[in-house]
Protein backbone atom coordinates (compact mmCIF):
# COMPACT_ATOMS: atom_id res chain seq x y z
CA MET A 1 0.06 0.00 0.05
CA ALA A 2 2.97 2.25 -0.30
CA GLY A 3 3.24 5.16 -2.88
CA PHE A 4 0.19 7.18 -1.86
CA THR A 5 0.45 10.89 -1.26
CA ASN A 6 -2.59 11.27 0.80
CA LEU A 7 -4.19 7.89 1.63
CA ASP A 8 -3.18 6.03 4.67
CA PRO A 9 -2.84 2.13 4.40
CA ALA A 10 -6.23 1.71 6.10
CA THR A 11 -8.19 4.04 3.63
CA ALA A 12 -6.38 2.44 0.64
CA ALA A 13 -7.24 -1.02 1.67
CA ASP A 14 -10.87 0.05 2.32
CA ALA A 15 -11.03 1.56 -1.15
CA MET A 16 -9.86 -1.81 -2.60
CA ARG A 17 -12.46 -3.74 -0.70
CA GLN A 18 -15.22 -1.50 -2.16
CA GLY A 19 -13.91 -2.04 -5.68
CA SER A 20 -12.45 1.50 -6.05
CA ASP A 21 -8.84 2.27 -7.34
CA PRO A 22 -6.98 3.75 -4.36
CA HIS A 23 -4.63 5.52 -6.77
CA GLU A 24 -7.48 7.26 -8.38
CA LEU A 25 -8.87 8.33 -4.91
CA ASP A 26 -5.41 9.58 -4.05
CA GLN A 27 -5.09 11.76 -7.20
CA ALA A 28 -8.61 13.14 -6.76
CA THR A 29 -7.79 14.06 -3.15
CA GLU A 30 -4.68 15.84 -4.40
CA ARG A 31 -6.78 17.82 -6.83
CA VAL A 32 -9.13 18.91 -3.98
CA LEU A 33 -6.09 19.98 -2.07
CA LEU A 34 -4.53 21.93 -4.92
CA TYR A 35 -7.95 23.79 -5.44
CA THR A 36 -7.87 24.50 -1.68
CA TYR A 37 -4.34 25.89 -1.85
CA ALA A 38 -5.18 28.09 -4.85
CA ASN A 39 -7.87 29.76 -2.77
CA LEU A 40 -5.61 30.44 0.35
CA PRO A 41 -4.47 34.08 0.96
CA ASP A 42 -1.02 35.08 -0.07
CA PHE A 43 1.67 34.68 2.42
CA PRO A 44 3.66 38.07 2.59
CA VAL A 45 7.35 36.78 2.92
CA TYR A 46 10.20 37.78 0.71
CA GLY A 47 11.73 34.81 -0.89
CA CYS A 48 15.28 35.65 -0.50
CA HIS A 49 17.96 33.34 1.11
CA LEU A 50 20.38 35.08 3.48
CA ARG A 51 23.95 34.12 3.62
CA PRO A 52 25.16 35.29 7.11
CA SER A 53 28.74 35.74 6.06
CA LEU A 54 27.79 38.32 3.51
CA ALA A 55 24.57 39.82 4.93
CA VAL A 56 26.50 42.36 7.45
CA ALA A 57 29.37 43.25 5.40
CA ASP A 58 29.99 45.84 2.68
CA PRO A 59 33.05 45.69 0.33
CA ALA A 60 35.04 47.56 2.94
CA GLY A 61 34.36 45.09 5.63
CA VAL A 62 32.12 47.52 7.48
CA ASP A 63 29.00 46.09 9.27
CA ARG A 64 26.22 48.66 8.41
CA ILE A 65 23.24 46.69 8.80
CA SER A 66 23.60 45.72 12.35
CA HIS A 67 23.69 49.41 13.27
CA LEU A 68 20.18 49.99 11.98
CA PRO A 69 17.49 50.71 14.59
CA ARG A 70 16.18 47.81 16.55
CA ALA A 71 12.55 48.37 15.14
CA LEU A 72 13.94 48.42 11.54
CA LEU A 73 15.79 45.10 12.13
CA HIS A 74 12.71 43.52 13.68
CA ASP A 75 10.94 44.39 10.48
CA ILE A 76 13.68 43.01 8.15
CA VAL A 77 13.85 39.70 10.01
CA SER A 78 10.14 39.26 10.37
CA ARG A 79 9.75 39.42 6.36
CA LEU A 80 12.35 36.62 5.78
CA PRO A 81 11.44 33.01 5.26
CA VAL A 82 11.60 31.62 8.77
CA LYS A 83 14.75 29.39 8.06
CA ASP A 84 16.53 32.39 6.76
CA ALA A 85 15.35 34.43 9.69
CA ALA A 86 16.54 31.93 12.14
CA ARG A 87 19.93 32.08 10.57
CA THR A 88 20.55 35.53 11.59
CA ALA A 89 20.83 34.43 15.13
CA VAL A 90 24.47 33.08 14.41
CA LEU A 91 25.67 36.54 13.29
CA SER A 92 25.93 37.92 16.85
CA SER A 93 24.30 38.11 20.26
CA ARG A 94 22.56 41.16 19.02
CA TRP A 95 21.07 39.51 16.05
CA ARG A 96 20.02 36.47 18.16
CA ARG A 97 17.93 38.86 20.42
CA ILE A 98 16.47 40.41 17.22
CA TRP A 99 15.45 36.96 15.93
CA LEU A 100 13.99 35.74 19.32
CA ALA A 101 11.91 38.99 19.66
CA ALA A 102 10.92 39.67 16.06
CA PRO A 103 7.32 39.25 14.91
CA LEU A 104 7.30 35.78 13.35
CA LEU A 105 5.80 34.68 9.91
CA LEU A 106 5.87 30.96 9.82
CA ASN A 107 5.20 28.88 6.70
CA ASP A 108 5.78 25.10 7.07
CA ALA A 109 6.30 24.85 3.21
CA HIS A 110 9.69 26.50 3.76
CA PHE A 111 10.85 23.38 5.61
CA LEU A 112 10.39 21.25 2.46
CA PRO A 113 13.61 19.66 1.21
CA LYS A 114 15.46 21.88 -1.17
CA GLY A 115 14.22 21.41 -4.70
CA HIS A 116 11.10 19.46 -3.56
CA CYS A 117 7.88 20.41 -5.39
CA TRP A 118 4.33 19.65 -4.55
CA PRO A 119 2.62 17.38 -3.80
CA VAL A 120 4.02 16.83 -0.16
CA THR A 121 4.80 13.28 0.50
CA PRO A 122 4.38 11.34 3.83
CA ALA A 123 8.13 11.10 4.16
CA ASN A 124 8.40 14.90 4.47
CA SER A 125 6.09 15.08 7.46
CA PRO A 126 8.32 14.18 10.38
CA ALA A 127 10.99 16.69 9.53
CA ILE A 128 8.44 19.49 8.95
CA THR A 129 6.60 18.77 12.04
CA ALA A 130 9.87 18.68 14.09
CA ALA A 131 11.06 22.02 12.55
CA VAL A 132 7.71 23.71 13.31
CA SER A 133 7.78 22.48 16.97
CA ARG A 134 11.33 23.54 17.45
CA ILE A 135 10.59 27.23 16.06
CA LEU A 136 7.39 27.52 18.15
CA GLU A 137 9.09 26.52 21.33
CA ALA A 138 12.21 28.58 20.77
CA HIS A 139 10.76 31.84 19.62
CA LEU A 140 10.00 34.18 22.28
CA GLY A 141 8.44 37.04 20.47
CA PRO A 142 5.00 37.48 18.95
CA ILE A 143 3.81 35.28 16.01
CA ASP A 144 1.78 37.26 13.53
CA ARG A 145 1.17 34.90 10.66
CA VAL A 146 1.24 31.13 10.49
CA ARG A 147 0.42 28.78 7.53
CA LEU A 148 0.50 25.08 8.33
CA VAL A 149 -0.45 23.06 5.23
CA CYS A 150 2.00 20.25 4.95
CA THR A 151 1.29 17.84 7.80
CA ASN A 152 -1.05 14.98 8.15
CA MET A 153 -2.34 16.16 11.48
CA ASN A 154 -3.97 12.91 12.45
CA SER A 155 -0.46 11.54 12.93
CA TYR A 156 0.74 14.40 15.04
CA ARG A 157 -2.29 15.16 17.34
CA PRO A 158 -0.10 15.97 20.39
CA GLN A 159 2.20 18.32 18.48
CA LEU A 160 -0.84 20.05 16.95
CA ALA A 161 -2.41 20.60 20.42
CA ARG A 162 0.97 22.16 21.52
CA TRP A 163 1.28 24.29 18.48
CA LEU A 164 -2.20 25.82 19.12
CA GLN A 165 -1.67 26.38 22.75
CA LEU A 166 1.55 28.25 21.86
CA LEU A 167 -0.04 30.13 19.04
CA ALA A 168 -2.89 31.29 21.41
CA ALA A 169 -0.36 32.43 23.96
CA LYS A 170 1.75 34.39 21.35
CA GLY A 171 -1.34 36.20 20.03
CA VAL A 172 -1.36 34.81 16.41
CA GLN A 173 -3.24 37.01 14.16
CA GLU A 174 -3.49 35.11 10.78
CA LEU A 175 -3.71 31.32 10.76
CA VAL A 176 -4.06 28.94 7.90
CA LEU A 177 -4.47 25.36 9.10
CA ILE A 178 -4.83 22.57 6.50
CA ASN A 179 -5.00 18.94 7.33
CA ARG A 180 -3.22 16.61 4.82
CA PRO A 181 -5.88 13.93 4.69
CA TRP A 182 -6.72 11.18 5.65
CA PRO A 183 -9.02 11.05 7.59
CA ARG A 184 -11.05 13.88 5.98
CA ASP A 185 -13.31 14.09 9.22
CA LEU A 186 -10.52 14.72 11.57
CA PRO A 187 -12.04 16.64 14.47
CA LEU A 188 -10.67 20.18 14.66
CA PRO A 189 -9.26 20.91 18.09
CA ALA A 190 -11.54 23.17 20.24
CA THR A 191 -8.59 25.36 21.05
CA VAL A 192 -8.86 27.14 17.67
CA PHE A 193 -12.07 28.76 18.81
CA ALA A 194 -10.47 30.29 21.84
CA ILE A 195 -7.81 32.21 19.91
CA THR A 196 -9.25 35.65 20.40
CA THR A 197 -6.50 37.46 18.65
CA LEU A 198 -7.23 36.21 15.17
CA THR A 199 -7.98 38.59 12.28
CA ARG A 200 -7.82 36.05 9.45
CA LEU A 201 -8.54 32.22 9.85
CA TYR A 202 -8.58 29.53 7.05
CA LEU A 203 -9.45 25.90 7.87
CA GLY A 204 -9.08 23.05 5.44
CA VAL A 205 -10.08 19.39 5.52
CA TRP A 206 -11.53 19.24 9.02
CA LYS A 207 -14.64 18.37 10.98
CA LEU A 208 -15.88 21.16 13.11
CA PRO A 209 -16.42 20.28 16.76
CA ASP A 210 -19.74 19.97 18.35
CA THR A 211 -22.27 22.93 18.64
CA ALA A 212 -21.42 23.58 22.23
CA VAL A 213 -17.83 24.37 21.42
CA LEU A 214 -19.01 26.62 18.48
CA ARG A 215 -21.30 28.48 20.82
CA GLY A 216 -18.33 29.28 22.99
CA ALA A 217 -16.20 30.59 20.19
CA SER A 218 -15.32 34.22 20.36
CA PHE A 219 -13.60 36.02 17.54
CA PRO A 220 -13.70 39.74 18.27
CA ARG A 221 -11.12 40.78 15.77
CA LEU A 222 -11.74 38.31 12.94
CA ARG A 223 -12.19 39.94 9.63
CA GLU A 224 -11.79 36.97 7.22
CA LEU A 225 -12.86 33.48 7.52
CA GLY A 226 -12.37 30.66 5.01
CA LEU A 227 -13.74 27.19 5.41
CA CYS A 228 -12.39 24.64 2.85
CA CYS A 229 -13.54 21.02 2.58
CA VAL A 230 -14.78 21.30 6.22
CA GLN A 231 -17.43 18.91 7.51
CA MET A 232 -20.00 20.73 9.45
CA GLU A 233 -23.59 20.59 10.59
CA HIS A 234 -26.34 22.76 9.63
CA GLY A 235 -26.08 26.13 11.70
CA ASP A 236 -22.43 25.83 12.35
CA VAL A 237 -21.56 28.67 9.94
CA ASP A 238 -24.36 30.77 11.22
CA SER A 239 -22.95 30.39 14.70
CA LEU A 240 -19.29 31.35 13.77
CA VAL A 241 -20.58 34.37 11.88
CA ALA A 242 -22.68 35.38 15.01
CA ARG A 243 -19.45 35.12 17.07
CA SER A 244 -17.49 37.43 14.65
CA PRO A 245 -18.84 40.81 15.04
CA VAL A 246 -16.36 42.59 12.79
CA LEU A 247 -16.27 39.74 10.13
CA GLU A 248 -16.02 41.21 6.59
CA ILE A 249 -15.21 38.25 4.34
CA LEU A 250 -16.64 34.76 4.41
CA ASN A 251 -15.35 32.14 1.88
CA ILE A 252 -16.77 28.54 1.85
CA LEU A 253 -15.17 25.86 -0.53
CA GLY A 254 -16.06 22.42 -1.00
CA CYS A 255 -19.11 21.85 1.32
CA LEU A 256 -20.26 18.50 0.03
CA LYS A 257 -23.09 17.79 2.78
CA GLY A 258 -25.54 20.25 1.43
CA LEU A 259 -25.12 23.78 2.71
CA ARG A 260 -27.76 25.73 4.53
CA LEU A 261 -26.75 29.17 5.35
CA ARG A 262 -28.90 31.79 7.23
CA LEU A 263 -26.71 34.88 7.14
CA VAL A 264 -27.19 37.74 9.78
CA SER A 265 -24.22 39.98 9.92
CA GLN A 266 -23.91 43.74 10.67
CA SER A 267 -20.38 43.81 9.20
CA LEU A 268 -20.06 41.35 6.39
CA ARG A 269 -19.08 42.75 2.98
CA CYS A 270 -18.27 39.79 0.88
CA LEU A 271 -19.73 36.20 0.78
CA GLN A 272 -18.19 33.62 -1.53
CA ILE A 273 -19.22 30.05 -1.94
CA SER A 274 -17.35 27.75 -4.40
CA GLY A 275 -17.54 24.16 -5.44
CA SER A 276 -20.22 23.26 -2.85
CA ILE A 277 -23.60 21.42 -2.70
CA LEU A 278 -26.17 24.18 -1.85
CA GLU A 279 -29.52 23.60 -0.36
CA ASN A 280 -30.53 26.84 0.90
CA VAL A 281 -28.71 30.03 1.15
CA ALA A 282 -30.58 33.04 2.86
CA VAL A 283 -29.15 36.47 3.22
CA VAL A 284 -31.56 37.54 6.00
CA LYS A 285 -29.94 40.84 7.23
CA ALA A 286 -26.66 42.08 5.95
CA PRO A 287 -26.64 45.86 5.69
CA CYS A 288 -22.91 46.12 4.64
CA LEU A 289 -22.86 43.18 2.04
CA GLU A 290 -21.38 44.36 -1.30
CA ARG A 291 -20.61 41.11 -2.92
CA PHE A 292 -22.25 37.74 -3.10
CA ILE A 293 -20.58 35.17 -5.42
CA LEU A 294 -21.71 31.57 -5.92
CA TYR A 295 -19.24 29.44 -8.26
CA ALA A 296 -19.40 26.15 -9.64
CA SER A 297 -22.17 25.12 -7.08
CA CYS A 298 -24.59 22.26 -7.48
CA THR A 299 -27.83 21.03 -6.23
CA PRO A 300 -28.43 18.07 -4.02
CA CYS A 301 -29.93 15.20 -5.88
CA GLY A 302 -33.80 15.49 -6.18
CA LEU A 303 -33.79 18.83 -4.51
CA CYS A 304 -33.59 22.45 -5.85
CA THR A 305 -31.31 25.14 -4.52
CA ARG A 306 -32.97 28.12 -3.05
CA VAL A 307 -31.30 31.48 -3.04
CA LYS A 308 -33.00 34.21 -1.02
CA ILE A 309 -31.90 37.79 -0.63
CA GLY A 310 -33.80 39.54 2.15
CA ASP A 311 -32.31 42.81 3.59
CA ALA A 312 -28.96 43.77 1.62
CA PRO A 313 -29.34 47.26 0.54
CA LYS A 314 -25.62 47.69 -0.48
CA LEU A 315 -25.41 44.63 -2.68
CA HIS A 316 -23.24 45.64 -5.65
CA ALA A 317 -22.09 42.56 -7.35
CA PHE A 318 -24.05 39.24 -7.58
CA GLY A 319 -23.25 35.96 -9.32
CA TYR A 320 -22.78 33.32 -10.66
CA LEU A 321 -26.63 33.01 -10.61
CA GLN A 322 -27.99 30.05 -12.21
CA PRO A 323 -31.54 30.12 -13.84
CA GLY A 324 -32.13 26.58 -12.51
CA GLN A 325 -31.93 27.82 -8.98
CA VAL A 326 -34.84 29.18 -7.12
CA LEU A 327 -34.31 32.96 -6.61
CA GLU A 328 -36.40 34.57 -3.87
CA ILE A 329 -36.14 38.36 -3.41
CA ARG A 330 -37.48 39.51 -0.07
CA ASP A 331 -40.94 37.62 0.04
CA THR A 332 -41.30 37.01 -3.80
CA VAL A 333 -40.13 33.85 -5.50
CA ILE A 334 -39.05 34.74 -8.96
CA MET A 335 -40.95 32.69 -11.68
CA PRO A 336 -40.99 33.00 -15.47
CA GLY A 337 -43.25 35.78 -16.63
CA ILE A 338 -43.86 37.21 -13.21
CA LYS A 339 -45.13 40.69 -13.03
CA MET A 340 -42.35 42.79 -11.68
CA ARG A 341 -42.88 44.96 -8.63
CA THR A 342 -40.23 47.14 -6.76
CA SER A 343 -40.31 44.61 -3.92
CA ALA A 344 -39.14 41.94 -6.31
CA MET A 345 -36.12 43.87 -7.57
CA LEU A 346 -32.57 44.39 -6.36
CA THR A 347 -32.06 47.95 -7.43
CA SER A 348 -28.49 48.28 -5.75
CA VAL A 349 -26.96 45.50 -7.91
CA LYS A 350 -24.70 47.16 -10.69
CA VAL A 351 -22.72 44.02 -11.58
CA LEU A 352 -24.49 40.77 -12.39
CA SER A 353 -23.20 37.35 -13.52
CA LEU A 354 -25.33 34.34 -14.70
CA ASP A 355 -24.11 30.89 -15.11
CA VAL A 356 -26.37 29.56 -18.13
CA CYS A 357 -26.79 26.25 -20.17
CA PHE A 358 -27.97 27.72 -23.55
CA GLY A 359 -28.90 24.18 -24.62
CA VAL A 360 -31.49 23.92 -21.82
CA PRO A 361 -34.54 26.00 -22.90
CA LYS A 362 -36.23 26.12 -19.49
CA ASP A 363 -32.97 27.78 -18.21
CA VAL A 364 -32.87 30.30 -20.90
CA LYS A 365 -36.57 31.16 -20.42
CA MET A 366 -35.75 32.14 -16.86
CA MET A 367 -33.05 34.69 -18.04
CA PRO A 368 -35.33 37.64 -19.10
CA THR A 369 -37.09 37.34 -15.77
CA PHE A 370 -33.84 37.13 -13.84
CA LEU A 371 -32.43 40.22 -15.86
CA ARG A 372 -35.61 42.35 -14.85
CA CYS A 373 -34.96 41.75 -11.30
CA PHE A 374 -31.76 43.82 -11.53
CA PRO A 375 -32.96 46.89 -13.35
CA ASN A 376 -29.90 49.00 -12.62
CA ALA A 377 -27.34 46.46 -13.75
CA GLU A 378 -24.67 48.05 -15.81
CA ARG A 379 -22.30 45.19 -16.33
CA LEU A 380 -23.60 41.61 -17.36
CA HIS A 381 -21.15 38.62 -17.35
CA ILE A 382 -22.24 35.25 -18.70
CA MET A 383 -20.68 31.94 -17.98
CA SER A 384 -21.80 29.50 -20.74
CA LYS A 385 -22.03 26.03 -19.32
CA LYS A 386 -21.55 22.91 -21.55
CA CYS A 387 -24.74 20.79 -21.72
CA ASP A 388 -23.86 17.12 -21.93
CA GLN A 389 -27.47 16.46 -23.27
CA PRO A 390 -28.96 19.69 -24.79
CA THR A 391 -32.79 19.71 -25.10
CA GLY A 392 -32.96 22.58 -27.73
CA HIS A 393 -31.76 25.92 -28.59
CA LEU A 394 -33.63 29.26 -28.16
CA THR A 395 -32.30 31.61 -30.80
CA LEU A 396 -32.76 35.40 -31.47
CA LYS A 397 -36.42 34.97 -32.12
CA PHE A 398 -36.99 33.99 -28.41
CA TRP A 399 -35.28 37.09 -27.10
CA GLN A 400 -37.21 39.35 -29.50
CA GLU A 401 -40.48 37.99 -28.36
CA SER A 402 -39.52 38.36 -24.78
CA GLY A 403 -39.88 42.14 -24.93
CA PRO A 404 -37.68 44.81 -23.99
CA ILE A 405 -35.51 44.49 -20.87
CA GLU A 406 -34.67 47.98 -19.49
CA ASN A 407 -31.25 47.34 -18.24
CA VAL A 408 -30.23 45.67 -21.46
CA THR A 409 -31.68 48.42 -23.61
CA SER A 410 -30.49 51.54 -21.66
CA ARG A 411 -28.00 50.62 -18.86
CA ILE A 412 -25.52 47.77 -19.57
CA ASN A 413 -22.25 49.17 -20.90
CA THR A 414 -20.14 46.11 -20.32
CA MET A 415 -20.77 42.61 -21.32
CA SER A 416 -18.69 39.46 -21.48
CA ILE A 417 -19.50 35.87 -22.25
CA ARG A 418 -17.08 33.07 -21.22
CA GLU A 419 -16.61 29.71 -22.57
CA PHE A 420 -18.27 30.57 -25.79
CA ARG A 421 -18.43 27.59 -28.27
CA GLY A 422 -20.43 29.03 -31.02
CA GLU A 423 -23.69 26.95 -30.30
CA PRO A 424 -26.94 28.35 -31.59
CA GLY A 425 -28.38 29.39 -28.21
CA GLU A 426 -25.03 31.32 -27.47
CA VAL A 427 -25.25 33.01 -30.94
CA GLY A 428 -28.87 34.00 -30.50
CA PHE A 429 -28.27 35.62 -27.14
CA LEU A 430 -25.17 37.45 -28.38
CA GLU A 431 -27.16 38.93 -31.40
CA TYR A 432 -29.88 40.05 -29.12
CA ILE A 433 -27.36 41.84 -26.80
CA PHE A 434 -25.60 43.59 -29.68
CA GLN A 435 -28.91 44.60 -31.25
CA SER A 436 -30.61 45.96 -28.14
CA ALA A 437 -27.96 47.38 -25.84
CA ARG A 438 -27.67 50.97 -26.81
CA ALA A 439 -25.10 51.90 -23.90
CA LEU A 440 -22.80 49.00 -24.65
CA SER A 441 -19.31 50.21 -24.78
CA THR A 442 -17.33 47.00 -24.25
CA ALA A 443 -18.08 43.43 -25.26
CA VAL A 444 -15.83 40.61 -24.33
CA VAL A 445 -16.17 37.14 -25.89
CA VAL A 446 -13.76 34.46 -24.41
CA MET A 447 -13.88 31.36 -26.67
CA ALA A 448 -13.56 27.89 -24.97
CA ASN A 449 -10.48 25.95 -25.40
CA PRO A 450 -10.89 24.42 -28.88
CA SER A 451 -10.26 20.97 -27.41
CA PHE A 452 -13.62 21.19 -25.68
CA ALA A 453 -15.64 22.95 -28.36
CA PRO A 454 -17.72 21.51 -31.22
CA PHE A 455 -16.54 24.13 -33.79
CA SER A 456 -13.00 25.24 -34.61
CA THR A 457 -11.61 28.49 -33.47
CA LYS A 458 -11.90 30.07 -36.87
CA GLU A 459 -15.61 29.16 -37.12
CA VAL A 460 -16.42 30.47 -33.62
CA HIS A 461 -14.63 33.82 -34.50
CA SER A 462 -16.68 34.10 -37.63
CA LYS A 463 -19.80 33.52 -35.66
CA VAL A 464 -18.97 36.34 -33.35
CA LYS A 465 -18.07 38.72 -36.10
CA LYS A 466 -21.54 37.90 -37.86
CA CYS A 467 -23.28 38.67 -34.59
CA CYS A 468 -21.74 42.25 -34.53
CA LYS A 469 -23.69 43.37 -37.54
CA ASN A 470 -26.61 45.82 -36.73
CA MET A 471 -25.29 46.73 -33.46
CA ALA A 472 -27.41 49.18 -31.47
CA SER A 473 -24.37 51.04 -30.09
CA ASP A 474 -21.87 52.82 -32.48
CA SER A 475 -19.14 53.01 -30.05
CA CYS A 476 -18.84 49.42 -28.73
CA ILE A 477 -15.39 47.91 -28.65
CA ASN A 478 -15.45 44.11 -29.26
CA ILE A 479 -12.72 42.03 -27.77
CA ILE A 480 -12.35 38.33 -28.76
CA LEU A 481 -10.12 36.23 -26.65
CA GLY A 482 -9.01 32.73 -26.99
CA SER A 483 -8.49 30.22 -24.17
CA ILE A 484 -6.19 27.43 -23.51
CA GLY A 485 -7.64 26.63 -20.00
CA PRO A 486 -9.44 23.68 -18.69
CA ALA A 487 -13.06 22.86 -19.82
CA GLY A 488 -15.52 25.08 -17.91
CA GLY A 489 -12.81 27.96 -17.66
CA GLU A 490 -10.26 28.70 -14.90
CA ILE A 491 -11.47 28.11 -11.23
CA TRP A 492 -12.63 31.10 -9.20
CA ARG A 493 -10.11 32.37 -6.66
CA PHE A 494 -11.48 33.99 -3.43
CA LYS A 495 -8.71 36.62 -3.36
CA ASP A 496 -10.08 37.97 -6.65
CA GLY A 497 -13.67 38.23 -5.35
CA ALA A 498 -12.56 39.92 -2.27
CA ASP A 499 -10.31 42.39 -3.92
CA PHE A 500 -12.41 45.65 -3.39
CA SER A 501 -9.84 47.52 -5.59
CA PHE A 502 -11.71 45.88 -8.53
CA HIS A 503 -15.02 47.58 -9.05
CA ASP A 504 -16.18 44.38 -10.99
CA PRO A 505 -14.90 41.04 -9.70
CA PHE A 506 -16.40 39.20 -12.51
CA SER A 507 -14.80 41.16 -15.31
CA VAL A 508 -12.51 39.19 -17.63
CA ALA A 509 -11.52 42.44 -19.41
CA GLU A 510 -10.57 44.13 -16.21
CA ILE A 511 -8.22 41.08 -15.32
CA ARG A 512 -6.70 40.49 -18.57
CA ARG A 513 -6.81 43.95 -20.08
CA PRO A 514 -8.05 47.40 -18.90
CA LEU A 515 -11.51 48.31 -20.13
CA SER A 516 -11.87 51.66 -22.24
């Protein structure tokens, strides 16, 4: 049973007994972990390697760095990778005192053997774990940021308990704690929920403790919370949000049980849910919420995902909404052809994104109704989903017969469609937008990777050009981009959605090329 990156012998043997290939399970687990790592916050450490014999000497042999103010030296040491920071202690007794007292940024990936690349192997764990323990025990100063992502925590529970005890005592502010499975349902130590100094917390591949522990949690300074592939019961997230009075960003990835979320928060500005099974997500009261992003979500078998927006007066960006989901605005369930009232509209939304299967007519028939729910939308982004079994295509005629849509005809100035394959339903929608959107100034079409499209790049390009005839706007700039990415497009990254320096988190054009 050797040779696995993530599976322990018991899990591998159990997979074989059930008729599954443990190697495939191991690879699938690694893909999940890589998706998790891609969504972790950046770790602000300079990647230089310090050579003590040269660091303190200029060509004349004069040590100038050591005479810098103590506060500045603390800042320099705290920005180094932890191994290089520790090496400064051999320079002199003053440097040793600087190292021991400087704020520490600890990333266990820095303890991987030289030249080692991902994935982490079980053989690396003992050395990494010993190095983390040694640093945490020896360092006397504060610990600001810690990223522990390389260890199978189930094999090192005593060490983990000691780490958390030390981190709590040293006032850790940012903590990323990812378990290298298996088991995937390893209970998260309750100590985490007593670290009141945290401002950012990311947890990956754990099982949350029971409700009593969560009710005793206290995160008075927590501004960002990420839960990645975490097993939890209904109400757990609600409880954590309620105990985080200044929380601004909530990110959830890989919830596979069926997420039920009832959001009440006076501080939350950004909610992102990615790659999860959704049952019911209700924004009950969130007066500061600006961004609500659902990406690659799916519905539990036999059920229908319900998305409700109650009190969210500042909601600015909303997506990727799927026409197959049940949308409820305040107390109105949005149905095809519903008579629009102000109470059934979200007038604050300026950036809207829809995730659409153009080969499924019932989904497309919901689009005009959905669009009318956001009368002030100025930017529209469409993710075109591939339909394995298309049931038909609604072309330009359908859109013409649907009647005018106010935001399309007079407000939308930026439109993009991603994963465009040139199928009839996509072409019909694009023709409608070009012929109706009088305020349109920028249109971006990102073609799907030709390996996953039914038409060649040349054919798709020709279809887009044909759609551009008879445009309602004389000043629209058309941008056509190719893709070499995976089927379905690139993954969503939480750091992009929570970057408030971007007015429009969905905009392909803003990411790849500035808009006019």
